[in-house]
C-alpha cells in the first residue's frame, strides 16, 4: 500500500507549521499529500506553495468541488499545477453537498452525477489539447447564440494527470469505476466494503472494460496509538462527537452521504437516530448513540499491534493507498504518529 495524508491550509495550525508538516512528511517517506477544500482555504493555492517546498511527493486536490469552477477552469488549474510540479499533481474532484455548493457558492446542487460526468468529459478533452466543442445536458461550450467559437487552451499538459473522484453514493461510485484513475473514499469499514462500495465500483469498471487493478482505491482514517486498553477507551470516547457530526451535521437534513454510507454498512438505525438528534440540536445525545464499534471500525486507532493488524485487514479488503490522519497535540506529536504509521504500513505490504 502507498501512504498519503490530507491537510487543509486553513486548519488550526499556522501557515508555517502546516508547511513544516508537509515538508517533514515527505522526508518520512509519505507518497501523497492531498489538500482539502471545504469552506475554508482553496486547494490549488496551497498546492502550488507545497509543490515549491517538496521534490518527490505527489500532491493532489482532495477535493476541488463541482460548482466552484467551470470545467475549463478545473482543466486550467490542473494543467498549471501538473506542469509547475513536474508531473506530481493528482486531480481530485467531488460533488460536495448542498450546504457548501448552494449555501456558500450560490450554485444549484441539482444533478451532481450528470454534472460530474460532463465535467470529467470536458476536462479530458482540454487535457488532450484540442478545440473544445461540447453539447451536454449541463454544459454547452461554446455558449450558443453569441459570437463565440470553439477554443483550445494555450497551454499543454506536459505530463499525464491522473483523475480521482470522491464518491460515496452507489451512482457516483459506478461513475468513478467507469471514468476515474482513483477513488477517494471515506467512512470505510472493510468488513462491509464489498456491498457498500466495491460492487458499485466494479460495475463501473466493467462498463469501461477494466478490472480493479486499474483503479487506485484510496481510503482515509485517523491514526492514533494507545499505550493500553484504558487509554484506548478514552480515545474512542473522545471521538464520538466527531462521528456524530459526520452522521448528523454533514450535509442537510435530507442529504447526508456520510450517513447513507454508514447505513449501508450495517448501522442504519443508529445513523438515522444520530442524525435526528443532531438536527434537533441534541449534540450530546447524538454522540452518546455512537458505539465504540463504529469509531474503531472506521479508524486506525489502537495499540501498535491493533493498528498493524487493522492495516492488514484494509490491505486484504482492496485498499491500495491509505490516507493517514495522524493524531497529536503538537506538530512533533503528529509527525511522530505519522512516521510510525508509515513504518507499520510498510511492514504489512
Protein backbone atom coordinates (compact mmCIF):
# COMPACT_ATOMS: atom_id res chain seq x y z
CA UNK A 1 0.00 0.00 0.00
CA UNK A 2 1.05 3.57 -0.64
CA UNK A 3 0.74 6.14 2.12
CA UNK A 4 -0.97 9.52 1.97
CA UNK A 5 -2.34 12.24 4.21
CA UNK A 6 -4.71 15.18 3.86
CA UNK A 7 -4.09 18.73 5.04
CA UNK A 8 -6.14 21.91 4.90
CA UNK A 9 -4.32 25.22 4.63
CA UNK A 10 -6.92 26.94 6.81
CA UNK A 11 -6.61 24.40 9.60
CA UNK A 12 -5.78 25.19 13.20
CA UNK A 13 -2.03 25.42 12.65
CA UNK A 14 -0.18 28.43 11.36
CA UNK A 15 0.88 28.54 7.73
CA UNK A 16 4.49 27.82 8.66
CA UNK A 17 3.52 24.85 10.85
CA UNK A 18 1.40 23.37 8.08
CA UNK A 19 4.23 23.81 5.59
CA UNK A 20 6.67 22.20 8.03
CA UNK A 21 4.30 19.25 8.37
CA UNK A 22 4.17 18.74 4.59
CA UNK A 23 7.95 19.02 4.19
CA UNK A 24 8.67 16.65 7.07
CA UNK A 25 6.01 14.19 5.87
CA UNK A 26 7.88 13.89 2.58
CA UNK A 27 11.10 13.19 4.49
CA UNK A 28 9.30 10.43 6.41
CA UNK A 29 8.57 8.71 3.10
CA UNK A 30 4.94 9.73 2.56
CA UNK A 31 3.84 9.08 -1.02
CA UNK A 32 0.95 11.56 -1.47
CA UNK A 33 -0.28 14.72 0.21
CA UNK A 34 -3.88 15.66 -0.55
CA UNK A 35 -5.04 19.22 0.15
CA UNK A 36 -8.65 19.64 1.22
CA UNK A 37 -11.06 22.32 0.10
CA UNK A 38 -14.30 22.63 2.01
CA UNK A 39 -15.48 26.06 3.17
CA UNK A 40 -12.06 27.38 4.16
CA UNK A 41 -8.97 27.79 2.03
CA UNK A 42 -8.91 26.79 -1.60
CA UNK A 43 -6.78 23.79 -2.55
CA UNK A 44 -4.86 24.98 -5.66
CA UNK A 45 -3.19 27.95 -3.96
CA UNK A 46 -1.81 25.74 -1.20
CA UNK A 47 -0.83 23.02 -3.68
CA UNK A 48 1.30 25.46 -5.66
CA UNK A 49 3.02 26.54 -2.45
CA UNK A 50 3.65 22.98 -1.29
CA UNK A 51 4.92 21.99 -4.74
CA UNK A 52 7.67 24.59 -4.37
CA UNK A 53 8.66 23.14 -0.97
CA UNK A 54 8.79 19.47 -1.95
CA UNK A 55 10.62 17.36 -4.53
CA UNK A 56 9.30 13.81 -4.65
CA UNK A 57 5.88 13.52 -3.06
CA UNK A 58 2.74 13.54 -5.19
CA UNK A 59 0.29 16.37 -4.47
CA UNK A 60 -3.45 16.19 -5.04
CA UNK A 61 -6.58 18.28 -4.75
CA UNK A 62 -8.63 16.42 -2.21
CA UNK A 63 -11.04 17.71 -3.48
CA UNK A 64 -11.99 20.52 -5.83
CA UNK A 65 -15.76 20.83 -5.68
CA UNK A 66 -18.21 20.88 -8.55
CA UNK A 67 -19.90 24.25 -8.93
CA UNK A 68 -16.96 26.28 -7.63
CA UNK A 69 -15.24 26.38 -11.04
CA UNK A 70 -16.21 25.80 -14.65
CA UNK A 71 -14.84 22.60 -16.20
CA UNK A 72 -12.41 24.69 -18.23
CA UNK A 73 -11.14 26.38 -15.06
CA UNK A 74 -10.64 22.96 -13.49
CA UNK A 75 -8.58 21.87 -16.50
CA UNK A 76 -6.52 25.08 -16.48
CA UNK A 77 -5.77 24.69 -12.79
CA UNK A 78 -4.85 21.02 -13.13
CA UNK A 79 -2.50 21.56 -16.08
CA UNK A 80 -0.84 24.51 -14.36
CA UNK A 81 -0.21 22.58 -11.15
CA UNK A 82 0.96 19.49 -13.03
CA UNK A 83 3.41 21.43 -15.18
CA UNK A 84 4.74 23.50 -12.27
CA UNK A 85 5.27 20.42 -10.09
CA UNK A 86 6.96 18.33 -12.76
CA UNK A 87 4.06 15.92 -13.13
CA UNK A 88 3.39 15.37 -9.41
CA UNK A 89 -0.21 16.60 -9.43
CA UNK A 90 -3.31 14.41 -8.98
CA UNK A 91 -6.70 15.92 -9.80
CA UNK A 92 -9.33 15.06 -7.21
CA UNK A 93 -12.92 16.15 -7.86
CA UNK A 94 -16.00 15.85 -5.67
CA UNK A 95 -19.63 16.90 -5.71
CA UNK A 96 -19.54 18.27 -2.12
CA UNK A 97 -23.06 18.87 -0.77
CA UNK A 98 -25.90 21.38 -0.86
CA UNK A 99 -24.79 23.25 2.27
CA UNK A 100 -21.50 24.31 0.68
CA UNK A 101 -22.43 24.43 -3.00
CA UNK A 102 -25.72 26.26 -2.51
CA UNK A 103 -25.16 27.90 0.86
CA UNK A 104 -21.71 29.33 0.14
CA UNK A 105 -21.34 29.46 -3.63
CA UNK A 106 -24.95 30.06 -4.61
CA UNK A 107 -24.86 27.34 -7.27
CA UNK A 108 -27.52 24.66 -7.60
CA UNK A 109 -26.57 21.24 -6.24
CA UNK A 110 -29.08 19.55 -8.55
CA UNK A 111 -27.95 16.67 -10.80
CA UNK A 112 -24.43 16.23 -9.36
CA UNK A 113 -23.91 12.90 -11.13
CA UNK A 114 -24.61 14.32 -14.58
CA UNK A 115 -22.56 17.43 -13.88
CA UNK A 116 -19.65 15.29 -12.72
CA UNK A 117 -19.75 13.12 -15.83
CA UNK A 118 -19.84 16.12 -18.15
CA UNK A 119 -17.12 17.92 -16.18
CA UNK A 120 -14.84 14.91 -16.50
CA UNK A 121 -15.52 14.66 -20.23
CA UNK A 122 -14.75 18.35 -20.80
CA UNK A 123 -11.62 18.27 -18.62
CA UNK A 124 -10.27 15.26 -20.51
CA UNK A 125 -10.91 16.93 -23.86
CA UNK A 126 -8.98 20.00 -22.75
CA UNK A 127 -6.16 17.81 -21.42
CA UNK A 128 -5.88 16.35 -24.93
CA UNK A 129 -5.23 19.81 -26.36
CA UNK A 130 -7.94 20.11 -28.99
CA UNK A 131 -10.52 22.82 -29.55
CA UNK A 132 -13.47 22.43 -27.22
CA UNK A 133 -16.91 21.96 -28.71
CA UNK A 134 -19.26 20.29 -26.25
CA UNK A 135 -23.02 19.93 -26.10
CA UNK A 136 -24.38 18.29 -22.98
CA UNK A 137 -27.36 18.50 -20.66
CA UNK A 138 -25.46 20.65 -18.15
CA UNK A 139 -22.76 22.37 -20.20
CA UNK A 140 -22.71 23.73 -23.73
CA UNK A 141 -19.38 25.14 -24.89
CA UNK A 142 -19.12 27.49 -26.72
CA UNK A 143 -22.26 29.17 -25.40
CA UNK A 144 -24.72 29.29 -28.30
CA UNK A 145 -26.40 32.40 -29.63
CA UNK A 146 -23.41 34.69 -29.49
CA UNK A 147 -20.13 35.29 -31.24
CA UNK A 148 -18.08 32.60 -29.50
CA UNK A 149 -16.24 29.91 -31.44
CA UNK A 150 -14.56 26.71 -30.15
CA UNK A 151 -11.28 27.39 -28.37
CA UNK A 152 -8.36 25.39 -27.07
CA UNK A 153 -6.18 26.16 -24.10
CA UNK A 154 -2.98 27.97 -25.00
CA UNK A 155 -1.03 25.69 -22.65
CA UNK A 156 -0.44 21.96 -22.92
CA UNK A 157 -0.25 19.27 -20.28
CA UNK A 158 3.38 18.17 -20.13
CA UNK A 159 2.51 15.10 -18.03
CA UNK A 160 -0.42 12.73 -17.66
CA UNK A 161 -2.80 13.97 -14.93
CA UNK A 162 -4.49 11.12 -13.01
CA UNK A 163 -8.13 11.79 -12.11
CA UNK A 164 -9.63 10.78 -8.77
CA UNK A 165 -13.28 11.11 -7.78
CA UNK A 166 -14.56 11.43 -4.22
CA UNK A 167 -17.62 9.20 -4.11
CA UNK A 168 -19.93 7.62 -1.54
CA UNK A 169 -23.26 7.07 -3.30
CA UNK A 170 -23.74 3.97 -5.48
CA UNK A 171 -24.28 6.03 -8.65
CA UNK A 172 -21.16 8.15 -8.11
CA UNK A 173 -19.17 5.02 -7.27
CA UNK A 174 -20.23 3.47 -10.57
CA UNK A 175 -19.12 6.61 -12.40
CA UNK A 176 -15.80 6.51 -10.55
CA UNK A 177 -15.18 2.97 -11.70
CA UNK A 178 -16.09 3.92 -15.24
CA UNK A 179 -14.08 7.12 -15.78
CA UNK A 180 -11.53 7.67 -12.98
CA UNK A 181 -7.99 6.56 -12.19
CA UNK A 182 -8.67 6.50 -8.46
CA UNK A 183 -11.35 6.56 -5.79
CA UNK A 184 -11.13 8.92 -2.81
CA UNK A 185 -13.33 7.29 -0.21
CA UNK A 186 -14.21 7.80 3.41
CA UNK A 187 -16.45 6.23 6.07
CA UNK A 188 -14.78 2.94 5.14
CA UNK A 189 -15.44 -0.25 7.06
CA UNK A 190 -13.53 -3.08 5.35
CA UNK A 191 -15.92 -5.74 6.65
CA UNK A 192 -18.84 -4.05 4.85
CA UNK A 193 -16.98 -2.58 1.89
CA UNK A 194 -17.95 -5.16 -0.72
CA UNK A 195 -21.67 -4.46 -0.56
CA UNK A 196 -21.40 -0.77 0.25
CA UNK A 197 -18.69 0.24 -2.22
CA UNK A 198 -16.88 -2.34 -4.31
CA UNK A 199 -19.89 -3.88 -6.01
CA UNK A 200 -20.69 -0.44 -7.46
CA UNK A 201 -17.09 0.40 -8.35
CA UNK A 202 -16.73 -2.96 -10.09
CA UNK A 203 -19.89 -2.36 -12.10
CA UNK A 204 -18.44 0.90 -13.36
CA UNK A 205 -15.09 -0.71 -14.11
CA UNK A 206 -16.87 -3.39 -16.14
CA UNK A 207 -18.60 -0.68 -18.19
CA UNK A 208 -15.21 0.61 -19.29
CA UNK A 209 -13.71 -2.85 -19.79
CA UNK A 210 -11.34 -2.52 -16.85
CA UNK A 211 -10.51 -4.52 -13.74
CA UNK A 212 -9.97 -3.42 -10.14
CA UNK A 213 -6.22 -3.16 -10.76
CA UNK A 214 -6.89 -0.12 -12.97
CA UNK A 215 -8.29 1.87 -10.03
CA UNK A 216 -6.31 3.25 -7.09
CA UNK A 217 -8.51 2.67 -4.05
CA UNK A 218 -7.51 5.46 -1.66
CA UNK A 219 -9.13 5.31 1.77
CA UNK A 220 -8.53 7.51 4.80
CA UNK A 221 -8.76 7.26 8.55
CA UNK A 222 -7.43 8.85 11.70
CA UNK A 223 -4.44 7.02 13.14
CA UNK A 224 -3.62 7.20 16.84
CA UNK A 225 -1.65 4.91 19.13
CA UNK A 226 -2.86 3.98 22.60
CA UNK A 227 -0.40 2.59 25.15
CA UNK A 228 -3.04 0.38 26.78
CA UNK A 229 -6.72 -0.55 26.83
CA UNK A 230 -7.64 2.20 29.29
CA UNK A 231 -6.11 4.88 27.07
CA UNK A 232 -7.82 3.34 24.05
CA UNK A 233 -11.20 3.64 25.78
CA UNK A 234 -10.62 7.34 26.40
CA UNK A 235 -9.51 7.87 22.79
CA UNK A 236 -12.60 6.14 21.46
CA UNK A 237 -14.97 8.11 23.69
CA UNK A 238 -13.41 11.42 22.69
CA UNK A 239 -14.09 10.82 19.01
CA UNK A 240 -17.78 10.01 19.21
CA UNK A 241 -18.91 13.61 18.83
CA UNK A 242 -16.82 13.98 15.65
CA UNK A 243 -18.51 10.93 14.17
CA UNK A 244 -21.92 12.21 15.29
CA UNK A 245 -21.20 15.43 13.37
CA UNK A 246 -20.46 13.44 10.22
CA UNK A 247 -23.68 11.47 10.61
CA UNK A 248 -25.88 14.39 11.60
CA UNK A 249 -24.27 17.64 10.55
CA UNK A 250 -22.51 17.00 7.25
CA UNK A 251 -25.00 17.96 4.56
CA UNK A 252 -28.62 18.88 5.06
CA UNK A 253 -31.36 17.06 6.93
CA UNK A 254 -32.23 15.11 3.79
CA UNK A 255 -28.86 14.89 2.00
CA UNK A 256 -26.02 13.36 4.00
CA UNK A 257 -23.81 10.97 2.04
CA UNK A 258 -21.81 10.01 5.16
CA UNK A 259 -24.96 8.95 6.95
CA UNK A 260 -26.03 6.86 3.98
CA UNK A 261 -22.60 5.20 3.77
CA UNK A 262 -22.72 4.14 7.41
CA UNK A 263 -26.28 2.94 6.91
CA UNK A 264 -25.21 0.67 4.05
CA UNK A 265 -22.52 -0.85 6.28
CA UNK A 266 -24.86 -2.10 8.99
CA UNK A 267 -25.66 0.93 11.16
CA UNK A 268 -28.82 2.26 9.53
CA UNK A 269 -30.89 2.53 12.71
CA UNK A 270 -28.16 4.20 14.76
CA UNK A 271 -27.21 6.54 11.92
CA UNK A 272 -30.81 7.65 11.48
CA UNK A 273 -31.28 8.36 15.19
CA UNK A 274 -27.97 10.20 15.44
CA UNK A 275 -28.99 12.44 12.55
CA UNK A 276 -32.40 13.09 14.09
CA UNK A 277 -30.94 14.12 17.44
CA UNK A 278 -28.18 16.20 15.88
CA UNK A 279 -30.61 18.07 13.66
CA UNK A 280 -32.80 18.72 16.72
CA UNK A 281 -29.86 20.32 18.49
CA UNK A 282 -29.15 17.48 20.92
CA UNK A 283 -25.44 17.11 20.10
CA UNK A 284 -24.52 15.27 23.29
CA UNK A 285 -27.42 12.88 22.86
CA UNK A 286 -26.37 12.18 19.30
CA UNK A 287 -22.78 11.46 20.37
CA UNK A 288 -23.98 9.12 23.10
CA UNK A 289 -25.59 6.88 20.48
CA UNK A 290 -22.31 6.32 18.63
CA UNK A 291 -20.80 2.98 19.64
CA UNK A 292 -17.16 2.04 20.19
CA UNK A 293 -17.50 -0.39 17.27
CA UNK A 294 -18.47 2.43 14.91
CA UNK A 295 -15.45 4.51 15.91
CA UNK A 296 -12.94 1.66 15.73
CA UNK A 297 -14.46 0.25 12.54
CA UNK A 298 -13.67 3.36 10.52
CA UNK A 299 -10.39 4.48 12.13
CA UNK A 300 -6.89 3.19 12.71
CA UNK A 301 -6.93 3.77 16.46
CA UNK A 302 -5.46 1.27 18.89
CA UNK A 303 -2.27 -0.21 20.22
CA UNK A 304 0.52 -0.63 17.67
CA UNK A 305 -0.36 -4.30 17.31
CA UNK A 306 -4.03 -3.44 16.75
CA UNK A 307 -3.21 -0.81 14.12
CA UNK A 308 -0.83 -3.18 12.34
CA UNK A 309 -3.49 -5.89 12.23
CA UNK A 310 -6.10 -3.40 11.07
CA UNK A 311 -3.86 -2.20 8.24
CA UNK A 312 -3.57 -5.78 7.04
CA UNK A 313 -7.37 -6.02 7.02
CA UNK A 314 -7.54 -2.82 4.92
CA UNK A 315 -4.94 -4.23 2.54
CA UNK A 316 -6.81 -7.50 2.14
CA UNK A 317 -10.08 -5.62 1.58
CA UNK A 318 -8.59 -3.96 -1.50
CA UNK A 319 -7.15 -0.64 -0.30
CA UNK A 320 -4.19 0.46 -2.44
CA UNK A 321 -3.42 3.78 -0.76
CA UNK A 322 -4.15 4.58 2.88
CA UNK A 323 -4.66 8.22 3.86
CA UNK A 324 -3.36 8.69 7.38
CA UNK A 325 -4.73 11.48 9.57
CA UNK A 326 -2.24 11.46 12.44
CA UNK A 327 -3.42 12.45 15.91
CA UNK A 328 -1.32 14.61 18.18
CA UNK A 329 -1.42 17.77 20.26
CA UNK A 330 1.67 19.29 18.64
CA UNK A 331 3.36 19.23 15.26
CA UNK A 332 6.04 16.95 16.67
CA UNK A 333 3.38 14.57 18.03
CA UNK A 334 1.59 14.38 14.70
CA UNK A 335 4.80 13.74 12.81
CA UNK A 336 5.82 11.03 15.26
CA UNK A 337 2.44 9.35 14.82
CA UNK A 338 2.65 9.66 11.03
CA UNK A 339 6.17 8.27 10.94
CA UNK A 340 5.27 5.21 12.97
CA UNK A 341 2.13 4.63 10.90
CA UNK A 342 4.16 4.74 7.67
CA UNK A 343 6.52 2.15 9.16
CA UNK A 344 3.58 -0.11 10.02
CA UNK A 345 2.13 0.21 6.50
CA UNK A 346 5.49 -0.81 5.08
CA UNK A 347 5.55 -3.82 7.43
CA UNK A 348 2.20 -5.17 6.19
CA UNK A 349 2.78 -4.62 2.46
